[in-house]
mmCIF file of all heavy atoms, coordinates in Angstrom:
data_MODEL
# 
_entry.id   MODEL 
# 
loop_
_atom_site.group_PDB 
_atom_site.id 
_atom_site.type_symbol 
_atom_site.label_atom_id 
_atom_site.label_alt_id 
_atom_site.label_comp_id 
_atom_site.label_asym_id 
_atom_site.label_entity_id 
_atom_site.label_seq_id 
_atom_site.pdbx_PDB_ins_code 
_atom_site.Cartn_x 
_atom_site.Cartn_y 
_atom_site.Cartn_z 
_atom_site.occupancy 
_atom_site.B_iso_or_equiv 
_atom_site.pdbx_formal_charge 
_atom_site.auth_seq_id 
_atom_site.auth_comp_id 
_atom_site.auth_asym_id 
_atom_site.auth_atom_id 
_atom_site.pdbx_PDB_model_num 
ATOM 1   N N   . GLY A 1 1  ? -36.801 -57.080 15.392 1.00 0.00 ? 1  GLY A N   1 
ATOM 2   C CA  . GLY A 1 1  ? -35.912 -58.153 16.030 1.00 0.00 ? 1  GLY A CA  1 
ATOM 3   C C   . GLY A 1 1  ? -36.138 -58.417 17.437 1.00 0.00 ? 1  GLY A C   1 
ATOM 4   O O   . GLY A 1 1  ? -35.973 -59.513 17.857 1.00 0.00 ? 1  GLY A O   1 
ATOM 5   N N   . SER A 1 2  ? -36.773 -57.425 18.111 1.00 0.00 ? 2  SER A N   1 
ATOM 6   C CA  . SER A 1 2  ? -36.956 -57.571 19.591 1.00 0.00 ? 2  SER A CA  1 
ATOM 7   C C   . SER A 1 2  ? -38.155 -58.557 19.824 1.00 0.00 ? 2  SER A C   1 
ATOM 8   O O   . SER A 1 2  ? -38.371 -58.910 20.900 1.00 0.00 ? 2  SER A O   1 
ATOM 9   C CB  . SER A 1 2  ? -37.388 -56.202 20.210 1.00 0.00 ? 2  SER A CB  1 
ATOM 10  O OG  . SER A 1 2  ? -38.527 -55.610 19.692 1.00 0.00 ? 2  SER A OG  1 
ATOM 11  N N   . GLU A 1 3  ? -38.912 -58.836 18.848 1.00 0.00 ? 3  GLU A N   1 
ATOM 12  C CA  . GLU A 1 3  ? -40.011 -59.670 18.813 1.00 0.00 ? 3  GLU A CA  1 
ATOM 13  C C   . GLU A 1 3  ? -39.589 -61.263 18.508 1.00 0.00 ? 3  GLU A C   1 
ATOM 14  O O   . GLU A 1 3  ? -40.538 -62.072 18.492 1.00 0.00 ? 3  GLU A O   1 
ATOM 15  C CB  . GLU A 1 3  ? -41.163 -59.144 17.977 1.00 0.00 ? 3  GLU A CB  1 
ATOM 16  C CG  . GLU A 1 3  ? -41.652 -57.806 18.435 1.00 0.00 ? 3  GLU A CG  1 
ATOM 17  C CD  . GLU A 1 3  ? -42.628 -57.267 17.360 1.00 0.00 ? 3  GLU A CD  1 
ATOM 18  O OE1 . GLU A 1 3  ? -43.004 -57.896 16.429 1.00 0.00 ? 3  GLU A OE1 1 
ATOM 19  O OE2 . GLU A 1 3  ? -43.000 -56.034 17.498 1.00 0.00 ? 3  GLU A OE2 1 
ATOM 20  N N   . MET A 1 4  ? -38.406 -61.369 18.125 1.00 0.00 ? 4  MET A N   1 
ATOM 21  C CA  . MET A 1 4  ? -37.965 -62.701 17.644 1.00 0.00 ? 4  MET A CA  1 
ATOM 22  C C   . MET A 1 4  ? -37.195 -63.448 18.674 1.00 0.00 ? 4  MET A C   1 
ATOM 23  O O   . MET A 1 4  ? -36.693 -62.832 19.597 1.00 0.00 ? 4  MET A O   1 
ATOM 24  C CB  . MET A 1 4  ? -37.092 -62.478 16.320 1.00 0.00 ? 4  MET A CB  1 
ATOM 25  C CG  . MET A 1 4  ? -37.880 -61.771 15.148 1.00 0.00 ? 4  MET A CG  1 
ATOM 26  S SD  . MET A 1 4  ? -36.676 -61.286 13.837 1.00 0.00 ? 4  MET A SD  1 
ATOM 27  C CE  . MET A 1 4  ? -36.285 -62.929 13.227 1.00 0.00 ? 4  MET A CE  1 
ATOM 28  N N   . CYS A 1 5  ? -37.045 -64.713 18.424 1.00 0.00 ? 5  CYS A N   1 
ATOM 29  C CA  . CYS A 1 5  ? -36.248 -65.625 19.336 1.00 0.00 ? 5  CYS A CA  1 
ATOM 30  C C   . CYS A 1 5  ? -34.928 -65.695 18.643 1.00 0.00 ? 5  CYS A C   1 
ATOM 31  O O   . CYS A 1 5  ? -34.640 -65.521 17.439 1.00 0.00 ? 5  CYS A O   1 
ATOM 32  C CB  . CYS A 1 5  ? -36.816 -67.037 19.387 1.00 0.00 ? 5  CYS A CB  1 
ATOM 33  S SG  . CYS A 1 5  ? -38.373 -67.114 20.255 1.00 0.00 ? 5  CYS A SG  1 
ATOM 34  N N   . GLY A 1 6  ? -33.891 -65.881 19.488 1.00 0.00 ? 6  GLY A N   1 
ATOM 35  C CA  . GLY A 1 6  ? -32.507 -66.014 19.031 1.00 0.00 ? 6  GLY A CA  1 
ATOM 36  C C   . GLY A 1 6  ? -32.336 -67.104 17.890 1.00 0.00 ? 6  GLY A C   1 
ATOM 37  O O   . GLY A 1 6  ? -31.655 -66.900 17.030 1.00 0.00 ? 6  GLY A O   1 
ATOM 38  N N   . SER A 1 7  ? -33.046 -68.193 18.017 1.00 0.00 ? 7  SER A N   1 
ATOM 39  C CA  . SER A 1 7  ? -32.948 -69.254 17.035 1.00 0.00 ? 7  SER A CA  1 
ATOM 40  C C   . SER A 1 7  ? -33.438 -68.817 15.660 1.00 0.00 ? 7  SER A C   1 
ATOM 41  O O   . SER A 1 7  ? -33.146 -69.275 14.568 1.00 0.00 ? 7  SER A O   1 
ATOM 42  C CB  . SER A 1 7  ? -33.774 -70.454 17.473 1.00 0.00 ? 7  SER A CB  1 
ATOM 43  O OG  . SER A 1 7  ? -35.226 -70.116 17.693 1.00 0.00 ? 7  SER A OG  1 
ATOM 44  N N   . GLU A 1 8  ? -34.368 -67.702 15.638 1.00 0.00 ? 8  GLU A N   1 
ATOM 45  C CA  . GLU A 1 8  ? -34.955 -67.130 14.505 1.00 0.00 ? 8  GLU A CA  1 
ATOM 46  C C   . GLU A 1 8  ? -33.970 -66.137 13.928 1.00 0.00 ? 8  GLU A C   1 
ATOM 47  O O   . GLU A 1 8  ? -33.745 -65.924 12.700 1.00 0.00 ? 8  GLU A O   1 
ATOM 48  C CB  . GLU A 1 8  ? -36.276 -66.589 14.702 1.00 0.00 ? 8  GLU A CB  1 
ATOM 49  C CG  . GLU A 1 8  ? -37.363 -67.384 15.123 1.00 0.00 ? 8  GLU A CG  1 
ATOM 50  C CD  . GLU A 1 8  ? -38.587 -66.638 15.418 1.00 0.00 ? 8  GLU A CD  1 
ATOM 51  O OE1 . GLU A 1 8  ? -38.656 -66.097 16.462 1.00 0.00 ? 8  GLU A OE1 1 
ATOM 52  O OE2 . GLU A 1 8  ? -39.528 -66.543 14.558 1.00 0.00 ? 8  GLU A OE2 1 
ATOM 53  N N   . HIS A 1 9  ? -33.405 -65.336 14.786 1.00 0.00 ? 9  HIS A N   1 
ATOM 54  C CA  . HIS A 1 9  ? -32.757 -64.146 14.422 1.00 0.00 ? 9  HIS A CA  1 
ATOM 55  C C   . HIS A 1 9  ? -31.177 -64.406 14.162 1.00 0.00 ? 9  HIS A C   1 
ATOM 56  O O   . HIS A 1 9  ? -30.626 -63.554 13.289 1.00 0.00 ? 9  HIS A O   1 
ATOM 57  C CB  . HIS A 1 9  ? -32.798 -63.083 15.586 1.00 0.00 ? 9  HIS A CB  1 
ATOM 58  C CG  . HIS A 1 9  ? -32.321 -61.788 15.200 1.00 0.00 ? 9  HIS A CG  1 
ATOM 59  N ND1 . HIS A 1 9  ? -31.053 -61.300 15.409 1.00 0.00 ? 9  HIS A ND1 1 
ATOM 60  C CD2 . HIS A 1 9  ? -33.063 -60.646 14.871 1.00 0.00 ? 9  HIS A CD2 1 
ATOM 61  C CE1 . HIS A 1 9  ? -30.960 -60.044 15.092 1.00 0.00 ? 9  HIS A CE1 1 
ATOM 62  N NE2 . HIS A 1 9  ? -32.330 -59.567 14.682 1.00 0.00 ? 9  HIS A NE2 1 
ATOM 63  N N   . ASN A 1 10 ? -30.607 -65.411 14.627 1.00 0.00 ? 10 ASN A N   1 
ATOM 64  C CA  . ASN A 1 10 ? -29.169 -65.576 14.339 1.00 0.00 ? 10 ASN A CA  1 
ATOM 65  C C   . ASN A 1 10 ? -28.873 -65.813 12.840 1.00 0.00 ? 10 ASN A C   1 
ATOM 66  O O   . ASN A 1 10 ? -29.507 -66.575 12.167 1.00 0.00 ? 10 ASN A O   1 
ATOM 67  C CB  . ASN A 1 10 ? -28.708 -66.905 15.065 1.00 0.00 ? 10 ASN A CB  1 
ATOM 68  C CG  . ASN A 1 10 ? -28.518 -66.606 16.526 1.00 0.00 ? 10 ASN A CG  1 
ATOM 69  O OD1 . ASN A 1 10 ? -28.541 -65.490 16.971 1.00 0.00 ? 10 ASN A OD1 1 
ATOM 70  N ND2 . ASN A 1 10 ? -28.310 -67.678 17.322 1.00 0.00 ? 10 ASN A ND2 1 
ATOM 71  N N   . ASP A 1 11 ? -27.876 -65.058 12.426 1.00 0.00 ? 11 ASP A N   1 
ATOM 72  C CA  . ASP A 1 11 ? -27.421 -65.144 10.993 1.00 0.00 ? 11 ASP A CA  1 
ATOM 73  C C   . ASP A 1 11 ? -26.399 -66.278 10.844 1.00 0.00 ? 11 ASP A C   1 
ATOM 74  O O   . ASP A 1 11 ? -25.275 -66.107 11.227 1.00 0.00 ? 11 ASP A O   1 
ATOM 75  C CB  . ASP A 1 11 ? -26.889 -63.808 10.520 1.00 0.00 ? 11 ASP A CB  1 
ATOM 76  C CG  . ASP A 1 11 ? -27.960 -62.770 10.379 1.00 0.00 ? 11 ASP A CG  1 
ATOM 77  O OD1 . ASP A 1 11 ? -29.022 -63.065 9.959  1.00 0.00 ? 11 ASP A OD1 1 
ATOM 78  O OD2 . ASP A 1 11 ? -27.659 -61.522 10.745 1.00 0.00 ? 11 ASP A OD2 1 
ATOM 79  N N   . LEU A 1 12 ? -26.742 -67.405 10.373 1.00 0.00 ? 12 LEU A N   1 
ATOM 80  C CA  . LEU A 1 12 ? -25.864 -68.585 10.286 1.00 0.00 ? 12 LEU A CA  1 
ATOM 81  C C   . LEU A 1 12 ? -24.892 -68.323 9.177  1.00 0.00 ? 12 LEU A C   1 
ATOM 82  O O   . LEU A 1 12 ? -25.057 -67.899 7.964  1.00 0.00 ? 12 LEU A O   1 
ATOM 83  C CB  . LEU A 1 12 ? -26.705 -69.787 10.033 1.00 0.00 ? 12 LEU A CB  1 
ATOM 84  C CG  . LEU A 1 12 ? -27.808 -70.168 11.030 1.00 0.00 ? 12 LEU A CG  1 
ATOM 85  C CD1 . LEU A 1 12 ? -28.437 -71.505 10.665 1.00 0.00 ? 12 LEU A CD1 1 
ATOM 86  C CD2 . LEU A 1 12 ? -27.279 -70.202 12.437 1.00 0.00 ? 12 LEU A CD2 1 
ATOM 87  N N   . PHE A 1 13 ? -23.632 -68.770 9.432  1.00 0.00 ? 13 PHE A N   1 
ATOM 88  C CA  . PHE A 1 13 ? -22.510 -68.492 8.547  1.00 0.00 ? 13 PHE A CA  1 
ATOM 89  C C   . PHE A 1 13 ? -22.464 -69.760 7.533  1.00 0.00 ? 13 PHE A C   1 
ATOM 90  O O   . PHE A 1 13 ? -22.760 -70.866 7.895  1.00 0.00 ? 13 PHE A O   1 
ATOM 91  C CB  . PHE A 1 13 ? -21.119 -68.502 9.217  1.00 0.00 ? 13 PHE A CB  1 
ATOM 92  C CG  . PHE A 1 13 ? -20.908 -67.260 9.985  1.00 0.00 ? 13 PHE A CG  1 
ATOM 93  C CD1 . PHE A 1 13 ? -20.966 -67.243 11.347 1.00 0.00 ? 13 PHE A CD1 1 
ATOM 94  C CD2 . PHE A 1 13 ? -20.655 -66.073 9.343  1.00 0.00 ? 13 PHE A CD2 1 
ATOM 95  C CE1 . PHE A 1 13 ? -20.719 -66.103 12.074 1.00 0.00 ? 13 PHE A CE1 1 
ATOM 96  C CE2 . PHE A 1 13 ? -20.425 -64.930 9.975  1.00 0.00 ? 13 PHE A CE2 1 
ATOM 97  C CZ  . PHE A 1 13 ? -20.465 -64.935 11.435 1.00 0.00 ? 13 PHE A CZ  1 
ATOM 98  N N   . ILE A 1 14 ? -22.234 -69.378 6.267  1.00 0.00 ? 14 ILE A N   1 
ATOM 99  C CA  . ILE A 1 14 ? -22.108 -70.323 5.205  1.00 0.00 ? 14 ILE A CA  1 
ATOM 100 C C   . ILE A 1 14 ? -20.980 -69.899 4.247  1.00 0.00 ? 14 ILE A C   1 
ATOM 101 O O   . ILE A 1 14 ? -20.468 -68.880 4.279  1.00 0.00 ? 14 ILE A O   1 
ATOM 102 C CB  . ILE A 1 14 ? -23.432 -70.447 4.433  1.00 0.00 ? 14 ILE A CB  1 
ATOM 103 C CG1 . ILE A 1 14 ? -23.805 -69.142 3.735  1.00 0.00 ? 14 ILE A CG1 1 
ATOM 104 C CG2 . ILE A 1 14 ? -24.526 -71.013 5.238  1.00 0.00 ? 14 ILE A CG2 1 
ATOM 105 C CD1 . ILE A 1 14 ? -24.953 -69.240 2.757  1.00 0.00 ? 14 ILE A CD1 1 
ATOM 106 N N   . LYS A 1 15 ? -20.587 -70.812 3.368  1.00 0.00 ? 15 LYS A N   1 
ATOM 107 C CA  . LYS A 1 15 ? -19.642 -70.441 2.241  1.00 0.00 ? 15 LYS A CA  1 
ATOM 108 C C   . LYS A 1 15 ? -20.383 -70.361 1.032  1.00 0.00 ? 15 LYS A C   1 
ATOM 109 O O   . LYS A 1 15 ? -21.150 -71.227 0.693  1.00 0.00 ? 15 LYS A O   1 
ATOM 110 C CB  . LYS A 1 15 ? -18.544 -71.469 2.184  1.00 0.00 ? 15 LYS A CB  1 
ATOM 111 C CG  . LYS A 1 15 ? -17.394 -71.300 3.221  1.00 0.00 ? 15 LYS A CG  1 
ATOM 112 C CD  . LYS A 1 15 ? -16.210 -72.140 2.732  1.00 0.00 ? 15 LYS A CD  1 
ATOM 113 C CE  . LYS A 1 15 ? -15.058 -71.888 3.718  1.00 0.00 ? 15 LYS A CE  1 
ATOM 114 N NZ  . LYS A 1 15 ? -13.773 -72.633 3.253  1.00 0.00 ? 15 LYS A NZ  1 
ATOM 115 N N   . ASN A 1 16 ? -20.249 -69.321 0.326  1.00 0.00 ? 16 ASN A N   1 
ATOM 116 C CA  . ASN A 1 16 ? -20.939 -69.133 -1.077 1.00 0.00 ? 16 ASN A CA  1 
ATOM 117 C C   . ASN A 1 16 ? -20.128 -69.930 -2.077 1.00 0.00 ? 16 ASN A C   1 
ATOM 118 O O   . ASN A 1 16 ? -19.206 -70.619 -1.840 1.00 0.00 ? 16 ASN A O   1 
ATOM 119 C CB  . ASN A 1 16 ? -21.106 -67.722 -1.388 1.00 0.00 ? 16 ASN A CB  1 
ATOM 120 C CG  . ASN A 1 16 ? -19.789 -66.924 -1.602 1.00 0.00 ? 16 ASN A CG  1 
ATOM 121 O OD1 . ASN A 1 16 ? -18.693 -67.584 -1.824 1.00 0.00 ? 16 ASN A OD1 1 
ATOM 122 N ND2 . ASN A 1 16 ? -19.899 -65.640 -1.495 1.00 0.00 ? 16 ASN A ND2 1 
ATOM 123 N N   . ALA A 1 17 ? -20.562 -69.839 -3.266 1.00 0.00 ? 17 ALA A N   1 
ATOM 124 C CA  . ALA A 1 17 ? -20.017 -70.564 -4.390 1.00 0.00 ? 17 ALA A CA  1 
ATOM 125 C C   . ALA A 1 17 ? -18.640 -70.203 -4.707 1.00 0.00 ? 17 ALA A C   1 
ATOM 126 O O   . ALA A 1 17 ? -17.771 -71.019 -5.286 1.00 0.00 ? 17 ALA A O   1 
ATOM 127 C CB  . ALA A 1 17 ? -20.842 -70.312 -5.678 1.00 0.00 ? 17 ALA A CB  1 
ATOM 128 N N   . LYS A 1 18 ? -18.173 -68.946 -4.344 1.00 0.00 ? 18 LYS A N   1 
ATOM 129 C CA  . LYS A 1 18 ? -16.883 -68.575 -4.511 1.00 0.00 ? 18 LYS A CA  1 
ATOM 130 C C   . LYS A 1 18 ? -15.925 -69.069 -3.334 1.00 0.00 ? 18 LYS A C   1 
ATOM 131 O O   . LYS A 1 18 ? -14.739 -68.803 -3.467 1.00 0.00 ? 18 LYS A O   1 
ATOM 132 C CB  . LYS A 1 18 ? -16.847 -67.039 -4.682 1.00 0.00 ? 18 LYS A CB  1 
ATOM 133 C CG  . LYS A 1 18 ? -17.556 -66.523 -5.963 1.00 0.00 ? 18 LYS A CG  1 
ATOM 134 C CD  . LYS A 1 18 ? -17.418 -64.978 -5.975 1.00 0.00 ? 18 LYS A CD  1 
ATOM 135 C CE  . LYS A 1 18 ? -18.059 -64.416 -7.089 1.00 0.00 ? 18 LYS A CE  1 
ATOM 136 N NZ  . LYS A 1 18 ? -18.095 -62.916 -7.135 1.00 0.00 ? 18 LYS A NZ  1 
ATOM 137 N N   . GLY A 1 19 ? -16.452 -69.540 -2.413 1.00 0.00 ? 19 GLY A N   1 
ATOM 138 C CA  . GLY A 1 19 ? -15.725 -70.035 -1.154 1.00 0.00 ? 19 GLY A CA  1 
ATOM 139 C C   . GLY A 1 19 ? -15.627 -68.949 -0.154 1.00 0.00 ? 19 GLY A C   1 
ATOM 140 O O   . GLY A 1 19 ? -14.784 -69.110 0.857  1.00 0.00 ? 19 GLY A O   1 
ATOM 141 N N   . ASP A 1 20 ? -16.285 -67.842 -0.313 1.00 0.00 ? 20 ASP A N   1 
ATOM 142 C CA  . ASP A 1 20 ? -16.273 -66.760 0.684  1.00 0.00 ? 20 ASP A CA  1 
ATOM 143 C C   . ASP A 1 20 ? -17.219 -67.007 1.789  1.00 0.00 ? 20 ASP A C   1 
ATOM 144 O O   . ASP A 1 20 ? -18.401 -67.613 1.550  1.00 0.00 ? 20 ASP A O   1 
ATOM 145 C CB  . ASP A 1 20 ? -16.506 -65.439 0.038  1.00 0.00 ? 20 ASP A CB  1 
ATOM 146 C CG  . ASP A 1 20 ? -15.526 -65.044 -1.072 1.00 0.00 ? 20 ASP A CG  1 
ATOM 147 O OD1 . ASP A 1 20 ? -14.254 -65.413 -0.781 1.00 0.00 ? 20 ASP A OD1 1 
ATOM 148 O OD2 . ASP A 1 20 ? -15.860 -64.338 -2.092 1.00 0.00 ? 20 ASP A OD2 1 
ATOM 149 N N   . ILE A 1 21 ? -16.899 -66.507 2.979  1.00 0.00 ? 21 ILE A N   1 
ATOM 150 C CA  . ILE A 1 21 ? -17.874 -66.602 4.117  1.00 0.00 ? 21 ILE A CA  1 
ATOM 151 C C   . ILE A 1 21 ? -18.859 -65.481 4.013  1.00 0.00 ? 21 ILE A C   1 
ATOM 152 O O   . ILE A 1 21 ? -18.641 -64.348 3.738  1.00 0.00 ? 21 ILE A O   1 
ATOM 153 C CB  . ILE A 1 21 ? -17.149 -66.559 5.385  1.00 0.00 ? 21 ILE A CB  1 
ATOM 154 C CG1 . ILE A 1 21 ? -16.205 -67.804 5.672  1.00 0.00 ? 21 ILE A CG1 1 
ATOM 155 C CG2 . ILE A 1 21 ? -18.099 -66.432 6.685  1.00 0.00 ? 21 ILE A CG2 1 
ATOM 156 C CD1 . ILE A 1 21 ? -15.285 -67.695 6.819  1.00 0.00 ? 21 ILE A CD1 1 
ATOM 157 N N   . GLN A 1 22 ? -20.163 -65.885 4.194  1.00 0.00 ? 22 GLN A N   1 
ATOM 158 C CA  . GLN A 1 22 ? -21.299 -65.000 4.282  1.00 0.00 ? 22 GLN A CA  1 
ATOM 159 C C   . GLN A 1 22 ? -22.299 -65.521 5.212  1.00 0.00 ? 22 GLN A C   1 
ATOM 160 O O   . GLN A 1 22 ? -22.117 -66.505 5.979  1.00 0.00 ? 22 GLN A O   1 
ATOM 161 C CB  . GLN A 1 22 ? -21.883 -64.750 2.922  1.00 0.00 ? 22 GLN A CB  1 
ATOM 162 C CG  . GLN A 1 22 ? -22.534 -65.884 2.233  1.00 0.00 ? 22 GLN A CG  1 
ATOM 163 C CD  . GLN A 1 22 ? -23.069 -65.538 0.877  1.00 0.00 ? 22 GLN A CD  1 
ATOM 164 O OE1 . GLN A 1 22 ? -22.437 -65.083 -0.123 1.00 0.00 ? 22 GLN A OE1 1 
ATOM 165 N NE2 . GLN A 1 22 ? -24.437 -65.719 0.726  1.00 0.00 ? 22 GLN A NE2 1 
ATOM 166 N N   . THR A 1 23 ? -23.444 -64.868 5.355  1.00 0.00 ? 23 THR A N   1 
ATOM 167 C CA  . THR A 1 23 ? -24.507 -65.363 6.263  1.00 0.00 ? 23 THR A CA  1 
ATOM 168 C C   . THR A 1 23 ? -25.676 -65.711 5.468  1.00 0.00 ? 23 THR A C   1 
ATOM 169 O O   . THR A 1 23 ? -26.034 -65.104 4.447  1.00 0.00 ? 23 THR A O   1 
ATOM 170 C CB  . THR A 1 23 ? -24.911 -64.397 7.362  1.00 0.00 ? 23 THR A CB  1 
ATOM 171 O OG1 . THR A 1 23 ? -25.335 -63.072 6.722  1.00 0.00 ? 23 THR A OG1 1 
ATOM 172 C CG2 . THR A 1 23 ? -23.681 -64.046 8.265  1.00 0.00 ? 23 THR A CG2 1 
ATOM 173 N N   . ARG A 1 24 ? -26.464 -66.810 5.954  1.00 0.00 ? 24 ARG A N   1 
ATOM 174 C CA  . ARG A 1 24 ? -27.609 -67.252 5.252  1.00 0.00 ? 24 ARG A CA  1 
ATOM 175 C C   . ARG A 1 24 ? -28.846 -66.093 5.182  1.00 0.00 ? 24 ARG A C   1 
ATOM 176 O O   . ARG A 1 24 ? -29.542 -66.087 4.264  1.00 0.00 ? 24 ARG A O   1 
ATOM 177 C CB  . ARG A 1 24 ? -28.133 -68.522 5.969  1.00 0.00 ? 24 ARG A CB  1 
ATOM 178 C CG  . ARG A 1 24 ? -29.245 -69.313 5.092  1.00 0.00 ? 24 ARG A CG  1 
ATOM 179 C CD  . ARG A 1 24 ? -29.743 -70.458 5.888  1.00 0.00 ? 24 ARG A CD  1 
ATOM 180 N NE  . ARG A 1 24 ? -28.707 -71.412 6.385  1.00 0.00 ? 24 ARG A NE  1 
ATOM 181 C CZ  . ARG A 1 24 ? -28.126 -72.335 5.627  1.00 0.00 ? 24 ARG A CZ  1 
ATOM 182 N NH1 . ARG A 1 24 ? -28.503 -72.550 4.381  1.00 0.00 ? 24 ARG A NH1 1 
ATOM 183 N NH2 . ARG A 1 24 ? -27.189 -73.121 6.223  1.00 0.00 ? 24 ARG A NH2 1 
ATOM 184 N N   . THR A 1 25 ? -28.907 -65.388 6.491  1.00 0.00 ? 25 THR A N   1 
ATOM 185 C CA  . THR A 1 25 ? -29.851 -64.381 6.485  1.00 0.00 ? 25 THR A CA  1 
ATOM 186 C C   . THR A 1 25 ? -29.173 -63.113 6.757  1.00 0.00 ? 25 THR A C   1 
ATOM 187 O O   . THR A 1 25 ? -27.885 -63.086 6.918  1.00 0.00 ? 25 THR A O   1 
ATOM 188 C CB  . THR A 1 25 ? -30.947 -64.623 7.588  1.00 0.00 ? 25 THR A CB  1 
ATOM 189 O OG1 . THR A 1 25 ? -30.226 -64.924 8.807  1.00 0.00 ? 25 THR A OG1 1 
ATOM 190 C CG2 . THR A 1 25 ? -31.761 -65.826 7.246  1.00 0.00 ? 25 THR A CG2 1 
ATOM 191 N N   . ASN A 1 26 ? -29.846 -61.970 6.958  1.00 0.00 ? 26 ASN A N   1 
ATOM 192 C CA  . ASN A 1 26 ? -29.117 -60.755 7.159  1.00 0.00 ? 26 ASN A CA  1 
ATOM 193 C C   . ASN A 1 26 ? -29.895 -59.874 8.089  1.00 0.00 ? 26 ASN A C   1 
ATOM 194 O O   . ASN A 1 26 ? -29.951 -58.638 7.966  1.00 0.00 ? 26 ASN A O   1 
ATOM 195 C CB  . ASN A 1 26 ? -28.895 -59.955 5.865  1.00 0.00 ? 26 ASN A CB  1 
ATOM 196 C CG  . ASN A 1 26 ? -27.843 -58.801 6.000  1.00 0.00 ? 26 ASN A CG  1 
ATOM 197 O OD1 . ASN A 1 26 ? -27.078 -58.906 6.871  1.00 0.00 ? 26 ASN A OD1 1 
ATOM 198 N ND2 . ASN A 1 26 ? -27.956 -57.688 5.103  1.00 0.00 ? 26 ASN A ND2 1 
ATOM 199 N N   . PHE A 1 27 ? -30.266 -60.512 9.250  1.00 0.00 ? 27 PHE A N   1 
ATOM 200 C CA  . PHE A 1 27 ? -30.975 -59.741 10.316 1.00 0.00 ? 27 PHE A CA  1 
ATOM 201 C C   . PHE A 1 27 ? -30.058 -58.796 10.924 1.00 0.00 ? 27 PHE A C   1 
ATOM 202 O O   . PHE A 1 27 ? -30.467 -57.740 11.581 1.00 0.00 ? 27 PHE A O   1 
ATOM 203 C CB  . PHE A 1 27 ? -31.539 -60.730 11.345 1.00 0.00 ? 27 PHE A CB  1 
ATOM 204 C CG  . PHE A 1 27 ? -32.613 -61.500 10.925 1.00 0.00 ? 27 PHE A CG  1 
ATOM 205 C CD1 . PHE A 1 27 ? -32.568 -62.931 10.799 1.00 0.00 ? 27 PHE A CD1 1 
ATOM 206 C CD2 . PHE A 1 27 ? -33.855 -60.978 10.372 1.00 0.00 ? 27 PHE A CD2 1 
ATOM 207 C CE1 . PHE A 1 27 ? -33.595 -63.768 10.320 1.00 0.00 ? 27 PHE A CE1 1 
ATOM 208 C CE2 . PHE A 1 27 ? -34.912 -61.755 9.891  1.00 0.00 ? 27 PHE A CE2 1 
ATOM 209 C CZ  . PHE A 1 27 ? -34.780 -63.087 9.885  1.00 0.00 ? 27 PHE A CZ  1 
ATOM 210 N N   . SER A 1 28 ? -28.700 -59.035 10.813 1.00 0.00 ? 28 SER A N   1 
ATOM 211 C CA  . SER A 1 28 ? -27.676 -58.193 11.428 1.00 0.00 ? 28 SER A CA  1 
ATOM 212 C C   . SER A 1 28 ? -27.513 -56.941 10.696 1.00 0.00 ? 28 SER A C   1 
ATOM 213 O O   . SER A 1 28 ? -26.817 -55.893 11.030 1.00 0.00 ? 28 SER A O   1 
ATOM 214 C CB  . SER A 1 28 ? -26.368 -58.799 11.599 1.00 0.00 ? 28 SER A CB  1 
ATOM 215 O OG  . SER A 1 28 ? -26.542 -59.994 12.339 1.00 0.00 ? 28 SER A OG  1 
ATOM 216 N N   . GLY A 1 29 ? -28.111 -56.917 9.459  1.00 0.00 ? 29 GLY A N   1 
ATOM 217 C CA  . GLY A 1 29 ? -27.960 -55.623 8.668  1.00 0.00 ? 29 GLY A CA  1 
ATOM 218 C C   . GLY A 1 29 ? -26.585 -55.343 8.115  1.00 0.00 ? 29 GLY A C   1 
ATOM 219 O O   . GLY A 1 29 ? -26.228 -54.225 7.877  1.00 0.00 ? 29 GLY A O   1 
# 
């Protein structure tokens, strides 16, 4: 992660099919 830019690393929030909040990626682990 130290080699990435913030625009690559940020985990964007989305709503899944159930309407729950989750993230598109999981760089945050």
